[in-house]
Amino acid sequence: MTDTQMLVGSLSNDMFRVASLAQRGSHKAASRFLAEAQRWSKDLQGDEVADYIARLAADISKREVTDISLASAERYLMYGVLLQNYALHNT
């Protein structure tokens, strides 16, 4: 596993956590994982990845950690799926 795959996979896991916690109403915990996801996304922005992954990472980085709503949770869930597929199928 490359460092980039690990970053993408870690970002994916945090996006799933944020979406799940937001759906359950645990906004404080979701905000914490969103802050962690932003750390991964900033590290990922310097790596060579597909354009759509770079755009996802940039969007995650610029989000407010208080941006925890059901609409945002759906977006984060979609991001998690896209990132997971990229980590699993692009070597």
C-alpha atoms as a PDB file:
ATOM      1  CA  MET A   1       0.000   0.000   0.000  1.00  0.00           C
ATOM      2  CA  THR A   2       1.353   3.385  -0.961  1.00  0.00           C
ATOM      3  CA  ASP A   3       1.239   6.484   1.210  1.00  0.00           C
ATOM      4  CA  THR A   4      -1.307   8.042  -1.134  1.00  0.00           C
ATOM      5  CA  GLN A   5      -3.586   5.021  -0.848  1.00  0.00           C
ATOM      6  CA  MET A   6      -3.314   5.200   2.915  1.00  0.00           C
ATOM      7  CA  LEU A   7      -4.208   8.909   2.901  1.00  0.00           C
ATOM      8  CA  VAL A   8      -7.190   8.333   0.606  1.00  0.00           C
ATOM      9  CA  GLY A   9      -8.343   5.359   2.691  1.00  0.00           C
ATOM     10  CA  SER A  10      -8.007   7.310   5.941  1.00  0.00           C
ATOM     11  CA  LEU A  11      -9.921  10.225   4.480  1.00  0.00           C
ATOM     12  CA  SER A  12     -12.617   7.829   3.294  1.00  0.00           C
ATOM     13  CA  ASN A  13     -12.982   6.283   6.751  1.00  0.00           C
ATOM     14  CA  ASP A  14     -13.311   9.693   8.379  1.00  0.00           C
ATOM     15  CA  MET A  15     -15.928  10.761   5.827  1.00  0.00           C
ATOM     16  CA  PHE A  16     -17.956   7.644   6.679  1.00  0.00           C
ATOM     17  CA  ARG A  17     -17.626   8.443  10.382  1.00  0.00           C
ATOM     18  CA  VAL A  18     -18.721  12.052   9.907  1.00  0.00           C
ATOM     19  CA  ALA A  19     -21.762  10.982   7.862  1.00  0.00           C
ATOM     20  CA  SER A  20     -22.757   8.309  10.378  1.00  0.00           C
ATOM     21  CA  LEU A  21     -22.338  10.532  13.420  1.00  0.00           C
ATOM     22  CA  ALA A  22     -24.170  13.435  11.799  1.00  0.00           C
ATOM     23  CA  GLN A  23     -27.083  11.164  10.936  1.00  0.00           C
ATOM     24  CA  ARG A  24     -27.258  10.019  14.559  1.00  0.00           C
ATOM     25  CA  GLY A  25     -27.197  13.595  15.830  1.00  0.00           C
ATOM     26  CA  SER A  26     -23.722  13.426  17.397  1.00  0.00           C
ATOM     27  CA  HIS A  27     -22.612  16.779  16.027  1.00  0.00           C
ATOM     28  CA  LYS A  28     -19.688  17.269  18.410  1.00  0.00           C
ATOM     29  CA  ALA A  29     -18.127  13.911  17.479  1.00  0.00           C
ATOM     30  CA  ALA A  30     -18.860  14.493  13.785  1.00  0.00           C
ATOM     31  CA  SER A  31     -17.096  17.854  13.964  1.00  0.00           C
ATOM     32  CA  ARG A  32     -14.059  16.185  15.521  1.00  0.00           C
ATOM     33  CA  PHE A  33     -13.823  13.635  12.711  1.00  0.00           C
ATOM     34  CA  LEU A  34     -14.368  16.344  10.098  1.00  0.00           C
ATOM     35  CA  ALA A  35     -11.389  18.218  11.552  1.00  0.00           C
ATOM     36  CA  GLU A  36      -9.353  15.007  11.307  1.00  0.00           C
ATOM     37  CA  ALA A  37     -10.542  14.504   7.702  1.00  0.00           C
ATOM     38  CA  GLN A  38      -9.364  18.009   6.879  1.00  0.00           C
ATOM     39  CA  ARG A  39      -5.904  17.096   8.112  1.00  0.00           C
ATOM     40  CA  TRP A  40      -5.837  14.087   5.757  1.00  0.00           C
ATOM     41  CA  SER A  41      -7.196  16.133   2.870  1.00  0.00           C
ATOM     42  CA  LYS A  42      -4.506  18.801   3.240  1.00  0.00           C
ATOM     43  CA  ASP A  43      -1.820  16.104   3.169  1.00  0.00           C
ATOM     44  CA  LEU A  44      -3.460  14.578   0.097  1.00  0.00           C
ATOM     45  CA  GLN A  45      -3.546  17.817  -1.898  1.00  0.00           C
ATOM     46  CA  GLY A  46       0.188  17.612  -2.597  1.00  0.00           C
ATOM     47  CA  ASP A  47      -0.002  14.064  -3.985  1.00  0.00           C
ATOM     48  CA  GLU A  48      -0.644  13.040  -7.565  1.00  0.00           C
ATOM     49  CA  VAL A  49      -4.192  11.727  -7.654  1.00  0.00           C
ATOM     50  CA  ALA A  50      -7.063  11.841 -10.120  1.00  0.00           C
ATOM     51  CA  ASP A  51      -8.561  15.291 -10.660  1.00  0.00           C
ATOM     52  CA  TYR A  52     -11.842  14.399  -8.990  1.00  0.00           C
ATOM     53  CA  ILE A  53     -10.017  13.187  -5.863  1.00  0.00           C
ATOM     54  CA  ALA A  54      -8.055  16.444  -5.719  1.00  0.00           C
ATOM     55  CA  ARG A  55     -11.333  18.394  -5.996  1.00  0.00           C
ATOM     56  CA  LEU A  56     -12.889  16.328  -3.184  1.00  0.00           C
ATOM     57  CA  ALA A  57      -9.860  16.931  -0.979  1.00  0.00           C
ATOM     58  CA  ALA A  58      -9.985  20.669  -1.692  1.00  0.00           C
ATOM     59  CA  ASP A  59     -13.709  20.799  -0.887  1.00  0.00           C
ATOM     60  CA  ILE A  60     -13.221  18.922   2.390  1.00  0.00           C
ATOM     61  CA  SER A  61     -10.365  21.240   3.374  1.00  0.00           C
ATOM     62  CA  LYS A  62     -12.420  24.391   2.946  1.00  0.00           C
ATOM     63  CA  ARG A  63     -15.476  23.168   4.882  1.00  0.00           C
ATOM     64  CA  GLU A  64     -16.223  24.575   8.312  1.00  0.00           C
ATOM     65  CA  VAL A  65     -15.919  21.932  11.035  1.00  0.00           C
ATOM     66  CA  THR A  66     -19.378  23.006  12.174  1.00  0.00           C
ATOM     67  CA  ASP A  67     -20.856  22.096   8.757  1.00  0.00           C
ATOM     68  CA  ILE A  68     -22.708  19.104  10.159  1.00  0.00           C
ATOM     69  CA  SER A  69     -26.198  18.755   8.698  1.00  0.00           C
ATOM     70  CA  LEU A  70     -28.105  15.936   7.054  1.00  0.00           C
ATOM     71  CA  ALA A  71     -27.440  17.458   3.627  1.00  0.00           C
ATOM     72  CA  SER A  72     -23.728  17.649   4.389  1.00  0.00           C
ATOM     73  CA  ALA A  73     -23.812  14.112   5.787  1.00  0.00           C
ATOM     74  CA  GLU A  74     -25.133  12.840   2.449  1.00  0.00           C
ATOM     75  CA  ARG A  75     -22.318  14.649   0.647  1.00  0.00           C
ATOM     76  CA  TYR A  76     -19.731  13.209   3.057  1.00  0.00           C
ATOM     77  CA  LEU A  77     -21.141   9.715   2.568  1.00  0.00           C
ATOM     78  CA  MET A  78     -20.820  10.093  -1.201  1.00  0.00           C
ATOM     79  CA  TYR A  79     -17.255  11.384  -0.773  1.00  0.00           C
ATOM     80  CA  GLY A  80     -16.454   8.377   1.423  1.00  0.00           C
ATOM     81  CA  VAL A  81     -17.649   5.947  -1.247  1.00  0.00           C
ATOM     82  CA  LEU A  82     -15.733   7.697  -4.037  1.00  0.00           C
ATOM     83  CA  LEU A  83     -12.555   7.843  -1.965  1.00  0.00           C
ATOM     84  CA  GLN A  84     -12.860   4.213  -0.880  1.00  0.00           C
ATOM     85  CA  ASN A  85     -13.291   3.046  -4.477  1.00  0.00           C
ATOM     86  CA  TYR A  86     -10.269   5.074  -5.546  1.00  0.00           C
ATOM     87  CA  ALA A  87      -8.127   3.652  -2.730  1.00  0.00           C
ATOM     88  CA  LEU A  88      -9.153   0.083  -3.533  1.00  0.00           C
ATOM     89  CA  HIS A  89      -8.984   0.156  -7.321  1.00  0.00           C
ATOM     90  CA  ASN A  90      -6.164   2.553  -8.200  1.00  0.00           C
ATOM     91  CA  THR A  91      -2.651   1.436  -7.471  1.00  0.00           C
END
